[in-house]
Each structure stands twice: as structure tokens, then as C-alpha cells.
Amino acid sequence: MLSWSMLFLVVAIIAGVLGFGGLAGTAIGIAKILFGLFLILFVVSLILGRRPRV
């Protein structure tokens, strides 16, 4: 998932440099959402991974 957010970030940067403002804004929005989701899942997996086995 982190690779997808990085991909959308690169697409946004390239689109911004080439002058496609709408596409760049959409791509950076998707990248932010995916990165946030990645961070949430990462923290949840850290918390659940540290629980003692029953």
C-alpha cells in the first residue's frame, strides 16, 4: 500500500510539472488517503503484534 501511495505521489509531481493541475490534485489526494490508511494499518499491526499469546 505504501508503494501505491508513492506511485500516486510521483504521478502527481510529474503531472504538476507538466501543467496538468487537476490531475495532479487528484493524484496527490489519493496519495494522501493511501498513506494515511497505510499508517493506520501499520499502527494497528504493531499493537496487535505485541499482545501476549493466549
PDB file of N, CA and C in Angstrom:
ATOM      1  N   MET A   1       0.825  -1.181   0.000  1.00  0.00           N
ATOM      2  CA  MET A   1       0.000   0.000   0.000  1.00  0.00           C
ATOM      3  C   MET A   1       0.872   1.248   0.000  1.00  0.00           C
ATOM      4  N   LEU A   2       1.996   1.167   0.676  1.00  0.00           N
ATOM      5  CA  LEU A   2       2.906   2.303   0.667  1.00  0.00           C
ATOM      6  C   LEU A   2       3.443   2.539  -0.739  1.00  0.00           C
ATOM      7  N   SER A   3       3.653   1.473  -1.480  1.00  0.00           N
ATOM      8  CA  SER A   3       4.148   1.637  -2.850  1.00  0.00           C
ATOM      9  C   SER A   3       3.104   2.317  -3.731  1.00  0.00           C
ATOM     10  N   TRP A   4       1.807   2.033  -3.486  1.00  0.00           N
ATOM     11  CA  TRP A   4       0.755   2.698  -4.257  1.00  0.00           C
ATOM     12  C   TRP A   4       0.723   4.193  -3.953  1.00  0.00           C
ATOM     13  N   SER A   5       0.883   4.559  -2.681  1.00  0.00           N
ATOM     14  CA  SER A   5       0.854   5.978  -2.348  1.00  0.00           C
ATOM     15  C   SER A   5       2.068   6.693  -2.943  1.00  0.00           C
ATOM     16  N   MET A   6       3.208   6.020  -2.959  1.00  0.00           N
ATOM     17  CA  MET A   6       4.390   6.619  -3.584  1.00  0.00           C
ATOM     18  C   MET A   6       4.200   6.766  -5.104  1.00  0.00           C
ATOM     19  N   LEU A   7       3.548   5.784  -5.714  1.00  0.00           N
ATOM     20  CA  LEU A   7       3.274   5.859  -7.139  1.00  0.00           C
ATOM     21  C   LEU A   7       2.380   7.058  -7.459  1.00  0.00           C
ATOM     22  N   PHE A   8       1.313   7.243  -6.675  1.00  0.00           N
ATOM     23  CA  PHE A   8       0.427   8.378  -6.916  1.00  0.00           C
ATOM     24  C   PHE A   8       1.135   9.698  -6.636  1.00  0.00           C
ATOM     25  N   LEU A   9       2.057   9.718  -5.679  1.00  0.00           N
ATOM     26  CA  LEU A   9       2.825  10.924  -5.416  1.00  0.00           C
ATOM     27  C   LEU A   9       3.706  11.275  -6.607  1.00  0.00           C
ATOM     28  N   VAL A  10       4.359  10.282  -7.189  1.00  0.00           N
ATOM     29  CA  VAL A  10       5.198  10.515  -8.362  1.00  0.00           C
ATOM     30  C   VAL A  10       4.355  10.983  -9.547  1.00  0.00           C
ATOM     31  N   VAL A  11       3.193  10.364  -9.740  1.00  0.00           N
ATOM     32  CA  VAL A  11       2.289  10.786 -10.816  1.00  0.00           C
ATOM     33  C   VAL A  11       1.861  12.235 -10.599  1.00  0.00           C
ATOM     34  N   ALA A  12       1.575  12.616  -9.354  1.00  0.00           N
ATOM     35  CA  ALA A  12       1.162  13.983  -9.058  1.00  0.00           C
ATOM     36  C   ALA A  12       2.282  14.978  -9.342  1.00  0.00           C
ATOM     37  N   ILE A  13       3.500  14.613  -8.985  1.00  0.00           N
ATOM     38  CA  ILE A  13       4.631  15.515  -9.229  1.00  0.00           C
ATOM     39  C   ILE A  13       4.859  15.687 -10.722  1.00  0.00           C
ATOM     40  N   ILE A  14       4.834  14.595 -11.462  1.00  0.00           N
ATOM     41  CA  ILE A  14       5.031  14.676 -12.912  1.00  0.00           C
ATOM     42  C   ILE A  14       3.909  15.474 -13.564  1.00  0.00           C
ATOM     43  N   ALA A  15       2.667  15.229 -13.145  1.00  0.00           N
ATOM     44  CA  ALA A  15       1.539  15.964 -13.712  1.00  0.00           C
ATOM     45  C   ALA A  15       1.617  17.447 -13.362  1.00  0.00           C
ATOM     46  N   GLY A  16       2.069  17.760 -12.163  1.00  0.00           N
ATOM     47  CA  GLY A  16       2.218  19.160 -11.772  1.00  0.00           C
ATOM     48  C   GLY A  16       3.285  19.873 -12.582  1.00  0.00           C
ATOM     49  N   VAL A  17       4.387  19.185 -12.842  1.00  0.00           N
ATOM     50  CA  VAL A  17       5.463  19.776 -13.642  1.00  0.00           C
ATOM     51  C   VAL A  17       5.008  20.006 -15.080  1.00  0.00           C
ATOM     52  N   LEU A  18       4.218  19.087 -15.606  1.00  0.00           N
ATOM     53  CA  LEU A  18       3.752  19.207 -16.984  1.00  0.00           C
ATOM     54  C   LEU A  18       2.556  20.143 -17.132  1.00  0.00           C
ATOM     55  N   GLY A  19       2.001  20.610 -16.014  1.00  0.00           N
ATOM     56  CA  GLY A  19       0.933  21.590 -16.084  1.00  0.00           C
ATOM     57  C   GLY A  19      -0.471  21.030 -16.009  1.00  0.00           C
ATOM     58  N   PHE A  20      -0.623  19.779 -15.654  1.00  0.00           N
ATOM     59  CA  PHE A  20      -1.950  19.190 -15.513  1.00  0.00           C
ATOM     60  C   PHE A  20      -2.378  19.343 -14.053  1.00  0.00           C
ATOM     61  N   GLY A  21      -2.912  20.509 -13.691  1.00  0.00           N
ATOM     62  CA  GLY A  21      -3.238  20.821 -12.305  1.00  0.00           C
ATOM     63  C   GLY A  21      -4.326  19.940 -11.729  1.00  0.00           C
ATOM     64  N   GLY A  22      -5.378  19.678 -12.495  1.00  0.00           N
ATOM     65  CA  GLY A  22      -6.475  18.852 -11.991  1.00  0.00           C
ATOM     66  C   GLY A  22      -6.043  17.429 -11.722  1.00  0.00           C
ATOM     67  N   LEU A  23      -5.282  16.868 -12.623  1.00  0.00           N
ATOM     68  CA  LEU A  23      -4.783  15.501 -12.450  1.00  0.00           C
ATOM     69  C   LEU A  23      -3.816  15.430 -11.279  1.00  0.00           C
ATOM     70  N   ALA A  24      -2.984  16.450 -11.133  1.00  0.00           N
ATOM     71  CA  ALA A  24      -2.027  16.462 -10.029  1.00  0.00           C
ATOM     72  C   ALA A  24      -2.749  16.549  -8.689  1.00  0.00           C
ATOM     73  N   GLY A  25      -3.781  17.366  -8.613  1.00  0.00           N
ATOM     74  CA  GLY A  25      -4.538  17.487  -7.371  1.00  0.00           C
ATOM     75  C   GLY A  25      -5.234  16.202  -6.998  1.00  0.00           C
ATOM     76  N   THR A  26      -5.796  15.532  -7.991  1.00  0.00           N
ATOM     77  CA  THR A  26      -6.473  14.258  -7.740  1.00  0.00           C
ATOM     78  C   THR A  26      -5.476  13.196  -7.283  1.00  0.00           C
ATOM     79  N   ALA A  27      -4.340  13.120  -7.944  1.00  0.00           N
ATOM     80  CA  ALA A  27      -3.329  12.116  -7.603  1.00  0.00           C
ATOM     81  C   ALA A  27      -2.765  12.357  -6.207  1.00  0.00           C
ATOM     82  N   ILE A  28      -2.535  13.616  -5.842  1.00  0.00           N
ATOM     83  CA  ILE A  28      -1.993  13.879  -4.513  1.00  0.00           C
ATOM     84  C   ILE A  28      -3.038  13.594  -3.446  1.00  0.00           C
ATOM     85  N   GLY A  29      -4.298  13.794  -3.748  1.00  0.00           N
ATOM     86  CA  GLY A  29      -5.363  13.446  -2.805  1.00  0.00           C
ATOM     87  C   GLY A  29      -5.423  11.951  -2.556  1.00  0.00           C
ATOM     88  N   ILE A  30      -5.323  11.174  -3.621  1.00  0.00           N
ATOM     89  CA  ILE A  30      -5.323   9.721  -3.495  1.00  0.00           C
ATOM     90  C   ILE A  30      -4.084   9.263  -2.723  1.00  0.00           C
ATOM     91  N   ALA A  31      -2.942   9.874  -2.993  1.00  0.00           N
ATOM     92  CA  ALA A  31      -1.710   9.505  -2.296  1.00  0.00           C
ATOM     93  C   ALA A  31      -1.824   9.784  -0.797  1.00  0.00           C
ATOM     94  N   LYS A  32      -2.442  10.912  -0.426  1.00  0.00           N
ATOM     95  CA  LYS A  32      -2.612  11.237   0.989  1.00  0.00           C
ATOM     96  C   LYS A  32      -3.519  10.225   1.678  1.00  0.00           C
ATOM     97  N   ILE A  33      -4.609   9.859   1.027  1.00  0.00           N
ATOM     98  CA  ILE A  33      -5.538   8.896   1.607  1.00  0.00           C
ATOM     99  C   ILE A  33      -4.866   7.537   1.790  1.00  0.00           C
ATOM    100  N   LEU A  34      -4.168   7.070   0.769  1.00  0.00           N
ATOM    101  CA  LEU A  34      -3.498   5.774   0.864  1.00  0.00           C
ATOM    102  C   LEU A  34      -2.398   5.776   1.919  1.00  0.00           C
ATOM    103  N   PHE A  35      -1.662   6.876   2.030  1.00  0.00           N
ATOM    104  CA  PHE A  35      -0.595   6.951   3.021  1.00  0.00           C
ATOM    105  C   PHE A  35      -1.179   6.954   4.429  1.00  0.00           C
ATOM    106  N   GLY A  36      -2.272   7.681   4.630  1.00  0.00           N
ATOM    107  CA  GLY A  36      -2.932   7.672   5.934  1.00  0.00           C
ATOM    108  C   GLY A  36      -3.442   6.296   6.291  1.00  0.00           C
ATOM    109  N   LEU A  37      -4.043   5.612   5.333  1.00  0.00           N
ATOM    110  CA  LEU A  37      -4.531   4.256   5.555  1.00  0.00           C
ATOM    111  C   LEU A  37      -3.377   3.308   5.874  1.00  0.00           C
ATOM    112  N   PHE A  38      -2.261   3.481   5.190  1.00  0.00           N
ATOM    113  CA  PHE A  38      -1.074   2.675   5.469  1.00  0.00           C
ATOM    114  C   PHE A  38      -0.590   2.892   6.902  1.00  0.00           C
ATOM    115  N   LEU A  39      -0.550   4.142   7.343  1.00  0.00           N
ATOM    116  CA  LEU A  39      -0.092   4.422   8.702  1.00  0.00           C
ATOM    117  C   LEU A  39      -1.020   3.821   9.748  1.00  0.00           C
ATOM    118  N   ILE A  40      -2.322   3.928   9.522  1.00  0.00           N
ATOM    119  CA  ILE A  40      -3.289   3.355  10.462  1.00  0.00           C
ATOM    120  C   ILE A  40      -3.123   1.838  10.549  1.00  0.00           C
ATOM    121  N   LEU A  41      -3.017   1.179   9.406  1.00  0.00           N
ATOM    122  CA  LEU A  41      -2.846  -0.272   9.405  1.00  0.00           C
ATOM    123  C   LEU A  41      -1.520  -0.687  10.032  1.00  0.00           C
ATOM    124  N   PHE A  42      -0.493   0.115   9.840  1.00  0.00           N
ATOM    125  CA  PHE A  42       0.803  -0.172  10.437  1.00  0.00           C
ATOM    126  C   PHE A  42       0.739  -0.110  11.958  1.00  0.00           C
ATOM    127  N   VAL A  43       0.104   0.929  12.491  1.00  0.00           N
ATOM    128  CA  VAL A  43      -0.021   1.070  13.946  1.00  0.00           C
ATOM    129  C   VAL A  43      -0.874  -0.054  14.523  1.00  0.00           C
ATOM    130  N   VAL A  44      -1.959  -0.399  13.855  1.00  0.00           N
ATOM    131  CA  VAL A  44      -2.811  -1.494  14.331  1.00  0.00           C
ATOM    132  C   VAL A  44      -2.037  -2.808  14.340  1.00  0.00           C
ATOM    133  N   SER A  45      -1.263  -3.062  13.309  1.00  0.00           N
ATOM    134  CA  SER A  45      -0.492  -4.303  13.276  1.00  0.00           C
ATOM    135  C   SER A  45       0.595  -4.324  14.342  1.00  0.00           C
ATOM    136  N   LEU A  46       1.170  -3.162  14.671  1.00  0.00           N
ATOM    137  CA  LEU A  46       2.146  -3.110  15.760  1.00  0.00           C
ATOM    138  C   LEU A  46       1.493  -3.416  17.093  1.00  0.00           C
ATOM    139  N   ILE A  47       0.316  -2.842  17.324  1.00  0.00           N
ATOM    140  CA  ILE A  47      -0.374  -3.060  18.596  1.00  0.00           C
ATOM    141  C   ILE A  47      -0.815  -4.515  18.724  1.00  0.00           C
ATOM    142  N   LEU A  48      -1.399  -5.056  17.681  1.00  0.00           N
ATOM    143  CA  LEU A  48      -1.883  -6.431  17.740  1.00  0.00           C
ATOM    144  C   LEU A  48      -0.734  -7.441  17.761  1.00  0.00           C
ATOM    145  N   GLY A  49       0.394  -7.094  17.205  1.00  0.00           N
ATOM    146  CA  GLY A  49       1.546  -7.992  17.192  1.00  0.00           C
ATOM    147  C   GLY A  49       2.224  -8.100  18.536  1.00  0.00           C
ATOM    148  N   ARG A  50       2.039  -7.129  19.413  1.00  0.00           N
ATOM    149  CA  ARG A  50       2.700  -7.119  20.709  1.00  0.00           C
ATOM    150  C   ARG A  50       1.852  -7.740  21.811  1.00  0.00           C
ATOM    151  N   ARG A  51       0.647  -8.177  21.496  1.00  0.00           N
ATOM    152  CA  ARG A  51      -0.196  -8.809  22.508  1.00  0.00           C
ATOM    153  C   ARG A  51       0.395 -10.161  22.873  1.00  0.00           C
ATOM    154  N   PRO A  52       0.293 -10.529  24.153  1.00  0.00           N
ATOM    155  CA  PRO A  52       0.779 -11.865  24.539  1.00  0.00           C
ATOM    156  C   PRO A  52      -0.148 -12.951  23.978  1.00  0.00           C
ATOM    157  N   ARG A  53       0.424 -14.045  23.604  1.00  0.00           N
ATOM    158  CA  ARG A  53      -0.365 -15.170  23.063  1.00  0.00           C
ATOM    159  C   ARG A  53      -1.111 -15.843  24.196  1.00  0.00           C
ATOM    160  N   VAL A  54      -2.364 -16.182  23.930  1.00  0.00           N
ATOM    161  CA  VAL A  54      -3.194 -16.820  24.969  1.00  0.00           C
ATOM    162  C   VAL A  54      -3.324 -18.289  24.689  1.00  0.00           C
TER     163      VAL A  54
END
